[in-house]
Amino acid sequence: MISILKYCALGVLGLLPTLAMAQACKPSDASGPIPDIRLIKIAGGLDSPVAITHAKDGSGRLFVLEQEGLVRVIKNKALQQKSFLDIRQRVAHGGEKGLLGIAFHPRFKDNGRFYVNYTQDNDGLITIIAEYRLNDKGGVDAAGERILLKIKQPWSNHNGGQLAFGPDGYLYIAMGDGGAANDPHNNGQNLNTLLGAILRIDVDTQDPGKAYGIPPDNPFRHQANARPEIWAYGLRNPWRFSFDRLSGELYAADVGQDDIEEIDLIEKGKNYGWRIMEGPICTPGINSQCDKTGLSLPLYSYTHEQGRSITGGYVYRGKEFPQLCGVYLYGDFVSQAIWGLRTQKSKVAKHKTLFKVQSLLKLAFSYFDDDGLLISTFGEDEAGEIYVAAYQSGRIYKIVKK
């Protein structure tokens, strides 16, 4: 039973989407054209950046995760020398492992709390979801870590990694299927594991035996042989997801296997098909004549002729580029392309290729030096402007008008 205080807290948090909607741009025509973009460099010198976010504290800072275990700060387009958090000694990194996600509490400005997602090798690989908080001097003491969740990982890949607070004030967590090919443990279809799913927890309460609470409307809260933390399942490796700050819709980009990359609109309790399906097709290595009954199809998908590792982005809701309003921007780590799509009634109305590094390099190879644009993540600042991280060169770019 939720306490009166919790109801009050939810009431305050319930104002957040309303305020965000009031500040977010609204496209005049959802089926309107998608404009061209360009990228401008705002910072460099990072080591394997994998996430970009802000703290909702009015500081204008961007926080960038380095895979090895550092949280760095960009302020006024300058990378600060002092790191915000250093947990390198705790983090097992390399390949798809490392410090993979960060989310600041909706009331971070008042309570100083934030959350990270990282992998650790502790007699076997595990994912850790942990809470940190600012000390009295405004810094972070790594020794003050409070672990919320430990999740065993059977293999070293498909760790997911994204953390984000939804407009409801709950923390959402992306978990991959645990790795290897064809999901050998069938984790994506197993409700009794936290792997292969989007999780949803309450960091402001604690249920008996847990360091967090289970939201009362989680779909499997009262179902036998199911983990109550699960919000949606049937996912392979949802590396990056985001909430549209106007509509509240959750866009998740799920990295494919041999054939398909996909974008899903994640909804409560739905099954997105893996390992039965890879995108809109039956998974070739499992059963080419699968039963699709009850499975949710992607919003959009593309084959490996276009790219081989999707990186999810954001719906643009900033003010500096009004023609881009309402466009979901996403990319591909391998093909180094950026695309945009508009939706109408939860269907894709427009889709456009916005950026191709290959063609740009032919014109001005030095723009990205010799490292290209390996798109590891997109990020959003407090105003809704969108950024891109180049994994190998360690640079952060801002998406602006062409």
Protein backbone atom coordinates (compact mmCIF):
# COMPACT_ATOMS: atom_id res chain seq x y z
CA MET A 1 0.00 0.00 0.00
CA ILE A 2 1.40 3.39 -0.98
CA SER A 3 1.83 5.85 1.84
CA ILE A 4 0.24 9.29 1.90
CA LEU A 5 3.70 10.79 1.47
CA LYS A 6 4.24 8.71 -1.63
CA TYR A 7 0.95 9.92 -3.09
CA CYS A 8 2.07 13.49 -2.42
CA ALA A 9 5.40 12.83 -4.10
CA LEU A 10 3.64 11.35 -7.11
CA GLY A 11 1.41 14.39 -7.20
CA VAL A 12 4.43 16.68 -7.43
CA LEU A 13 6.07 14.45 -10.01
CA GLY A 14 2.84 14.42 -11.95
CA LEU A 15 3.40 18.10 -12.67
CA LEU A 16 6.69 17.36 -14.42
CA PRO A 17 5.26 16.13 -17.73
CA THR A 18 2.83 19.04 -17.77
CA LEU A 19 5.67 21.53 -17.32
CA ALA A 20 7.80 19.73 -19.90
CA MET A 21 4.94 19.74 -22.38
CA ALA A 22 4.44 23.46 -21.87
CA GLN A 23 8.08 24.07 -22.76
CA ALA A 24 8.42 21.52 -25.59
CA CYS A 25 7.98 22.49 -29.22
CA LYS A 26 4.91 21.20 -31.04
CA PRO A 27 5.06 20.57 -34.80
CA SER A 28 2.41 22.32 -36.83
CA ASP A 29 2.12 19.30 -39.14
CA ALA A 30 3.10 15.82 -37.99
CA SER A 31 3.51 14.71 -41.60
CA GLY A 32 5.57 17.76 -42.57
CA PRO A 33 8.99 17.54 -44.25
CA ILE A 34 12.10 16.60 -42.29
CA PRO A 35 14.88 19.21 -42.65
CA ASP A 36 18.54 18.52 -43.26
CA ILE A 37 20.96 18.79 -40.34
CA ARG A 38 24.63 19.38 -39.69
CA LEU A 39 26.89 18.64 -36.73
CA ILE A 40 29.06 21.09 -34.86
CA LYS A 41 31.74 19.97 -32.44
CA ILE A 42 31.28 21.22 -28.89
CA ALA A 43 33.92 19.15 -27.04
CA GLY A 44 36.68 16.59 -27.53
CA GLY A 45 39.26 14.69 -25.54
CA LEU A 46 36.90 12.07 -24.12
CA ASP A 47 37.78 8.40 -23.85
CA SER A 48 35.09 6.10 -25.32
CA PRO A 49 32.01 8.20 -24.50
CA VAL A 50 28.84 6.10 -24.24
CA ALA A 51 26.14 8.32 -22.72
CA ILE A 52 25.18 12.01 -22.58
CA THR A 53 22.58 13.60 -20.32
CA HIS A 54 21.77 16.57 -18.10
CA ALA A 55 20.82 16.92 -14.43
CA LYS A 56 17.63 19.02 -14.68
CA ASP A 57 19.24 21.42 -12.20
CA GLY A 58 19.47 24.60 -14.26
CA SER A 59 23.27 24.43 -14.43
CA GLY A 60 23.49 23.95 -18.20
CA ARG A 61 25.95 21.11 -17.70
CA LEU A 62 26.18 18.04 -19.89
CA PHE A 63 27.29 14.82 -18.22
CA VAL A 64 29.18 12.32 -20.38
CA LEU A 65 30.01 8.75 -19.39
CA GLU A 66 33.36 7.26 -20.29
CA GLN A 67 33.04 3.50 -20.61
CA GLU A 68 35.96 2.80 -18.27
CA GLY A 69 34.06 4.30 -15.32
CA LEU A 70 34.25 8.10 -15.32
CA VAL A 71 31.45 10.67 -15.43
CA ARG A 72 32.78 13.82 -17.11
CA VAL A 73 31.23 17.30 -17.29
CA ILE A 74 30.94 19.67 -20.25
CA LYS A 75 30.11 23.23 -19.30
CA ASN A 76 30.03 26.20 -21.66
CA LYS A 77 31.29 23.92 -24.45
CA ALA A 78 34.39 23.03 -22.43
CA LEU A 79 35.28 19.64 -20.99
CA GLN A 80 36.05 20.07 -17.30
CA GLN A 81 39.27 18.51 -16.08
CA LYS A 82 37.81 17.22 -12.83
CA SER A 83 35.50 14.25 -13.19
CA PHE A 84 32.08 14.24 -11.52
CA LEU A 85 32.37 10.56 -10.50
CA ASP A 86 35.20 8.04 -10.71
CA ILE A 87 34.31 4.36 -10.21
CA ARG A 88 36.92 2.86 -12.52
CA GLN A 89 38.07 0.44 -9.83
CA ARG A 90 34.58 -1.10 -9.70
CA VAL A 91 33.81 -1.28 -13.40
CA ALA A 92 34.57 -4.18 -15.73
CA HIS A 93 34.86 -2.54 -19.15
CA GLY A 94 35.66 -3.42 -22.73
CA GLY A 95 33.54 -4.62 -25.63
CA GLU A 96 29.93 -3.99 -24.52
CA LYS A 97 30.82 -3.85 -20.81
CA GLY A 98 31.48 -0.76 -18.71
CA LEU A 99 29.81 2.25 -17.17
CA LEU A 100 26.80 2.31 -19.47
CA GLY A 101 24.04 4.54 -18.10
CA ILE A 102 23.24 7.44 -15.79
CA ALA A 103 20.01 9.14 -14.73
CA PHE A 104 19.51 12.08 -12.37
CA HIS A 105 16.60 12.01 -9.95
CA PRO A 106 13.75 14.35 -11.01
CA ARG A 107 14.41 16.29 -7.80
CA PHE A 108 18.21 16.12 -8.08
CA LYS A 109 18.53 19.84 -7.44
CA ASP A 110 17.03 19.26 -3.98
CA ASN A 111 18.14 15.76 -3.01
CA GLY A 112 21.42 15.32 -4.97
CA ARG A 113 20.58 11.74 -5.94
CA PHE A 114 21.52 10.05 -9.22
CA TYR A 115 21.79 6.51 -10.54
CA VAL A 116 24.28 4.58 -12.65
CA ASN A 117 24.29 1.31 -14.56
CA TYR A 118 27.59 -0.56 -14.87
CA THR A 119 29.05 -4.03 -15.22
CA GLN A 120 31.30 -5.59 -12.61
CA ASP A 121 33.26 -8.85 -12.61
CA ASN A 122 32.65 -10.31 -9.17
CA ASP A 123 33.12 -14.08 -9.52
CA GLY A 124 31.17 -13.69 -12.75
CA LEU A 125 29.83 -10.72 -14.65
CA ILE A 126 26.96 -8.76 -13.11
CA THR A 127 25.06 -5.60 -13.92
CA ILE A 128 24.79 -3.18 -11.03
CA ILE A 129 22.22 -0.41 -10.65
CA ALA A 130 23.46 1.92 -7.92
CA GLU A 131 22.54 5.21 -6.29
CA TYR A 132 24.98 8.01 -5.48
CA ARG A 133 24.38 11.43 -4.00
CA LEU A 134 26.10 14.75 -3.67
CA ASN A 135 27.93 15.47 -0.43
CA ASP A 136 27.79 18.75 1.51
CA LYS A 137 30.53 20.23 -0.69
CA GLY A 138 28.71 19.45 -3.93
CA GLY A 139 31.01 16.56 -4.82
CA VAL A 140 30.34 12.83 -4.95
CA ASP A 141 31.91 10.32 -2.58
CA ALA A 142 32.21 7.02 -4.45
CA ALA A 143 32.30 5.18 -1.13
CA GLY A 144 28.71 6.25 -0.55
CA GLU A 145 27.36 3.92 -3.22
CA ARG A 146 24.00 2.27 -2.44
CA ILE A 147 23.32 -0.76 -4.63
CA LEU A 148 19.73 -1.20 -5.74
CA LEU A 149 20.02 -4.18 -8.06
CA LYS A 150 22.52 -6.87 -9.00
CA ILE A 151 21.72 -8.85 -12.13
CA LYS A 152 23.83 -11.83 -13.24
CA GLN A 153 25.05 -11.75 -16.84
CA PRO A 154 25.67 -15.15 -18.47
CA TRP A 155 27.86 -13.65 -21.24
CA SER A 156 29.83 -10.45 -21.75
CA ASN A 157 27.61 -8.82 -24.38
CA HIS A 158 24.02 -7.55 -24.66
CA ASN A 159 24.13 -5.72 -21.35
CA GLY A 160 21.60 -3.03 -22.31
CA GLY A 161 22.64 0.00 -20.27
CA GLN A 162 20.15 2.85 -20.51
CA LEU A 163 18.67 4.49 -17.42
CA ALA A 164 16.00 7.19 -17.53
CA PHE A 165 13.26 8.57 -15.34
CA GLY A 166 9.89 8.52 -17.01
CA PRO A 167 7.33 11.32 -16.80
CA ASP A 168 5.74 9.28 -13.98
CA GLY A 169 8.85 9.71 -11.79
CA TYR A 170 9.84 6.04 -11.91
CA LEU A 171 13.25 4.75 -13.02
CA TYR A 172 13.32 2.72 -16.24
CA ILE A 173 16.21 0.31 -16.88
CA ALA A 174 17.21 -1.38 -20.17
CA MET A 175 18.43 -4.96 -19.88
CA GLY A 176 19.70 -7.04 -22.79
CA ASP A 177 19.09 -10.77 -23.12
CA GLY A 178 22.42 -11.72 -21.51
CA GLY A 179 24.40 -12.29 -24.68
CA ALA A 180 25.59 -14.97 -27.10
CA ALA A 181 23.68 -15.73 -30.32
CA ASN A 182 19.98 -16.60 -30.60
CA ASP A 183 19.41 -15.99 -26.86
CA PRO A 184 20.29 -19.58 -25.83
CA HIS A 185 18.52 -19.31 -22.46
CA ASN A 186 15.43 -17.75 -24.10
CA ASN A 187 15.66 -14.89 -21.61
CA GLY A 188 13.73 -12.53 -23.87
CA GLN A 189 10.60 -14.67 -23.44
CA ASN A 190 11.15 -15.55 -19.78
CA LEU A 191 9.24 -13.35 -17.33
CA ASN A 192 11.12 -14.94 -14.44
CA THR A 193 14.37 -13.15 -15.35
CA LEU A 194 15.24 -9.45 -15.49
CA LEU A 195 17.16 -9.98 -18.74
CA GLY A 196 15.72 -9.06 -22.14
CA ALA A 197 13.37 -6.44 -20.72
CA ILE A 198 12.68 -2.84 -19.80
CA LEU A 199 12.39 -2.62 -16.01
CA ARG A 200 10.50 0.01 -13.98
CA ILE A 201 11.19 0.64 -10.30
CA ASP A 202 10.41 3.21 -7.62
CA VAL A 203 13.62 4.62 -6.12
CA ASP A 204 11.71 6.63 -3.49
CA THR A 205 10.27 3.65 -1.59
CA GLN A 206 11.50 0.25 -0.44
CA ASP A 207 9.48 -2.94 -0.53
CA PRO A 208 10.36 -5.68 1.98
CA GLY A 209 13.63 -7.34 1.03
CA LYS A 210 14.39 -4.81 -1.73
CA ALA A 211 16.33 -1.56 -1.97
CA TYR A 212 13.53 -0.07 -4.09
CA GLY A 213 9.78 -0.29 -4.53
CA ILE A 214 7.63 -1.90 -7.20
CA PRO A 215 5.19 0.61 -8.75
CA PRO A 216 1.60 -0.50 -8.06
CA ASP A 217 0.66 -0.58 -11.76
CA ASN A 218 3.61 -2.63 -13.01
CA PRO A 219 2.00 -5.24 -15.28
CA PHE A 220 3.43 -8.39 -13.70
CA ARG A 221 3.41 -7.27 -10.07
CA HIS A 222 0.86 -9.90 -9.04
CA GLN A 223 1.63 -12.60 -11.62
CA ALA A 224 3.15 -15.87 -10.46
CA ASN A 225 6.55 -16.84 -11.91
CA ALA A 226 7.18 -13.32 -13.17
CA ARG A 227 9.50 -10.58 -11.97
CA PRO A 228 7.43 -7.60 -10.82
CA GLU A 229 10.08 -5.13 -12.01
CA ILE A 230 9.33 -5.88 -15.69
CA TRP A 231 7.52 -3.20 -17.68
CA ALA A 232 7.93 -4.77 -21.16
CA TYR A 233 9.91 -7.72 -22.52
CA GLY A 234 10.98 -9.64 -25.62
CA LEU A 235 14.04 -7.45 -26.28
CA ARG A 236 17.51 -8.44 -27.46
CA ASN A 237 19.72 -5.49 -26.55
CA PRO A 238 17.89 -2.18 -26.04
CA TRP A 239 21.09 -0.15 -25.80
CA ARG A 240 19.41 3.26 -25.88
CA PHE A 241 15.85 4.39 -25.19
CA SER A 242 14.28 7.78 -24.50
CA PHE A 243 11.01 9.46 -23.60
CA ASP A 244 9.41 12.05 -25.86
CA ARG A 245 9.21 15.01 -23.48
CA LEU A 246 5.93 16.15 -25.11
CA SER A 247 3.94 12.93 -25.54
CA GLY A 248 5.69 10.77 -22.90
CA GLU A 249 6.08 7.93 -25.44
CA LEU A 250 9.04 5.60 -24.87
CA TYR A 251 11.17 4.95 -27.97
CA ALA A 252 13.60 2.02 -27.68
CA ALA A 253 16.15 1.02 -30.31
CA ASP A 254 16.81 -2.71 -30.05
CA VAL A 255 20.09 -3.91 -31.59
CA GLY A 256 19.51 -6.79 -33.99
CA GLN A 257 21.35 -10.02 -34.69
CA ASP A 258 22.06 -11.05 -38.29
CA ASP A 259 19.32 -9.33 -40.25
CA ILE A 260 17.28 -6.51 -38.69
CA GLU A 261 17.66 -3.40 -36.51
CA GLU A 262 14.47 -2.08 -34.93
CA ILE A 263 12.76 0.82 -33.16
CA ASP A 264 9.95 -0.03 -30.75
CA LEU A 265 7.34 2.12 -29.05
CA ILE A 266 7.44 0.50 -25.62
CA GLU A 267 4.12 0.06 -23.85
CA LYS A 268 3.10 -1.52 -20.58
CA GLY A 269 3.22 -5.31 -20.50
CA LYS A 270 3.89 -5.84 -24.19
CA ASN A 271 6.07 -8.57 -25.70
CA TYR A 272 8.37 -7.30 -28.47
CA GLY A 273 9.14 -10.71 -29.87
CA TRP A 274 12.78 -11.63 -29.31
CA ARG A 275 13.92 -14.44 -29.68
CA ILE A 276 10.85 -15.59 -31.63
CA MET A 277 11.22 -12.62 -33.93
CA GLU A 278 14.03 -10.34 -35.06
CA GLY A 279 12.25 -7.12 -35.92
CA PRO A 280 9.23 -7.95 -38.13
CA ILE A 281 10.55 -11.37 -39.29
CA CYS A 282 10.76 -14.76 -37.65
CA THR A 283 14.29 -15.23 -36.33
CA PRO A 284 16.03 -17.32 -39.03
CA GLY A 285 18.22 -19.28 -36.62
CA ILE A 286 15.26 -20.22 -34.40
CA ASN A 287 12.11 -20.87 -36.45
CA SER A 288 11.40 -19.33 -39.84
CA GLN A 289 7.71 -20.25 -39.49
CA CYS A 290 7.12 -18.74 -36.04
CA ASP A 291 3.79 -17.91 -34.42
CA LYS A 292 3.54 -14.10 -34.15
CA THR A 293 0.35 -14.13 -32.08
CA GLY A 294 0.49 -11.59 -29.24
CA LEU A 295 3.82 -10.10 -30.31
CA SER A 296 4.27 -6.36 -30.87
CA LEU A 297 5.87 -5.37 -34.16
CA PRO A 298 8.46 -2.58 -34.44
CA LEU A 299 7.54 1.00 -35.19
CA TYR A 300 10.33 0.91 -37.79
CA SER A 301 13.08 -1.47 -38.84
CA TYR A 302 15.89 -1.66 -41.36
CA THR A 303 18.08 -4.41 -42.79
CA HIS A 304 21.83 -4.80 -42.49
CA GLU A 305 22.23 -3.25 -45.89
CA GLN A 306 21.61 0.11 -44.15
CA GLY A 307 23.42 -0.51 -40.85
CA ARG A 308 24.34 -3.19 -38.35
CA SER A 309 24.02 -1.70 -34.84
CA ILE A 310 21.26 0.79 -34.13
CA THR A 311 21.81 3.63 -31.66
CA GLY A 312 18.58 5.06 -30.32
CA GLY A 313 18.12 8.80 -30.05
CA TYR A 314 15.50 11.38 -29.10
CA VAL A 315 12.42 13.12 -30.42
CA TYR A 316 13.55 16.70 -30.97
CA ARG A 317 11.66 19.13 -28.73
CA GLY A 318 14.13 22.01 -28.59
CA LYS A 319 13.65 25.65 -29.65
CA GLU A 320 16.70 26.36 -31.81
CA PHE A 321 15.61 24.24 -34.79
CA PRO A 322 11.79 24.54 -35.09
CA GLN A 323 11.62 22.72 -38.45
CA LEU A 324 12.98 19.62 -36.72
CA CYS A 325 10.28 19.63 -34.03
CA GLY A 326 8.73 16.20 -33.49
CA VAL A 327 11.36 14.27 -35.45
CA TYR A 328 12.83 11.17 -33.81
CA LEU A 329 16.57 11.18 -34.51
CA TYR A 330 18.58 7.97 -34.38
CA GLY A 331 21.71 6.47 -35.93
CA ASP A 332 23.85 3.41 -36.52
CA PHE A 333 27.21 2.68 -34.92
CA VAL A 334 28.53 0.74 -37.92
CA SER A 335 27.22 2.62 -40.95
CA GLN A 336 27.69 5.95 -39.11
CA ALA A 337 24.45 7.34 -40.54
CA ILE A 338 21.79 9.49 -38.85
CA TRP A 339 18.13 9.26 -39.80
CA GLY A 340 14.98 11.07 -38.78
CA LEU A 341 11.36 9.95 -38.71
CA ARG A 342 8.01 11.54 -37.95
CA THR A 343 5.11 9.57 -36.55
CA GLN A 344 1.38 10.05 -36.87
CA LYS A 345 -1.01 7.94 -34.79
CA SER A 346 1.90 5.68 -33.76
CA LYS A 347 2.84 4.98 -37.40
CA VAL A 348 5.80 6.32 -39.37
CA ALA A 349 4.58 9.18 -41.58
CA LYS A 350 7.96 10.42 -42.85
CA HIS A 351 11.50 9.00 -42.87
CA LYS A 352 14.70 10.56 -44.17
CA THR A 353 18.46 10.00 -44.23
CA LEU A 354 19.94 13.10 -42.58
CA PHE A 355 23.63 12.37 -42.37
CA LYS A 356 26.13 10.00 -43.95
CA VAL A 357 29.72 10.14 -42.78
CA GLN A 358 30.99 8.26 -45.80
CA SER A 359 29.85 10.90 -48.27
CA LEU A 360 30.92 13.75 -45.99
CA LEU A 361 34.39 12.28 -45.59
CA LYS A 362 34.82 12.29 -49.35
CA LEU A 363 34.29 16.06 -49.25
CA ALA A 364 36.11 16.93 -46.05
CA PHE A 365 37.90 13.96 -44.52
CA SER A 366 39.46 16.08 -41.82
CA TYR A 367 36.04 16.98 -40.37
CA PHE A 368 36.13 13.85 -38.25
CA ASP A 369 39.86 13.20 -38.62
CA ASP A 370 40.43 9.52 -39.39
CA ASP A 371 38.10 8.12 -36.75
CA GLY A 372 34.76 8.69 -38.44
CA LEU A 373 31.58 9.04 -36.42
CA LEU A 374 31.02 5.79 -34.55
CA ILE A 375 27.70 6.83 -32.99
CA SER A 376 27.69 5.34 -29.50
CA THR A 377 24.91 7.52 -28.11
CA PHE A 378 22.69 10.54 -28.50
CA GLY A 379 21.96 12.92 -25.65
CA GLU A 380 19.63 15.75 -24.74
CA ASP A 381 20.28 18.95 -22.79
CA GLU A 382 17.84 20.73 -20.51
CA ALA A 383 16.46 22.79 -23.39
CA GLY A 384 15.81 19.74 -25.58
CA GLU A 385 18.74 20.24 -27.96
CA ILE A 386 20.31 16.97 -29.14
CA TYR A 387 23.92 15.79 -29.15
CA VAL A 388 25.86 12.88 -30.64
CA ALA A 389 28.93 11.09 -29.28
CA ALA A 390 31.70 9.81 -31.56
CA TYR A 391 32.98 6.77 -29.71
CA GLN A 392 36.47 6.40 -31.14
CA SER A 393 37.48 10.04 -31.55
CA GLY A 394 35.98 11.01 -28.17
CA ARG A 395 34.12 14.02 -29.52
CA ILE A 396 30.66 15.38 -28.79
CA TYR A 397 28.67 17.07 -31.56
CA LYS A 398 25.49 19.12 -31.47
CA ILE A 399 22.77 18.71 -34.08
CA VAL A 400 21.93 22.10 -35.65
CA LYS A 401 20.37 23.63 -38.77
CA LYS A 402 22.15 22.95 -42.01
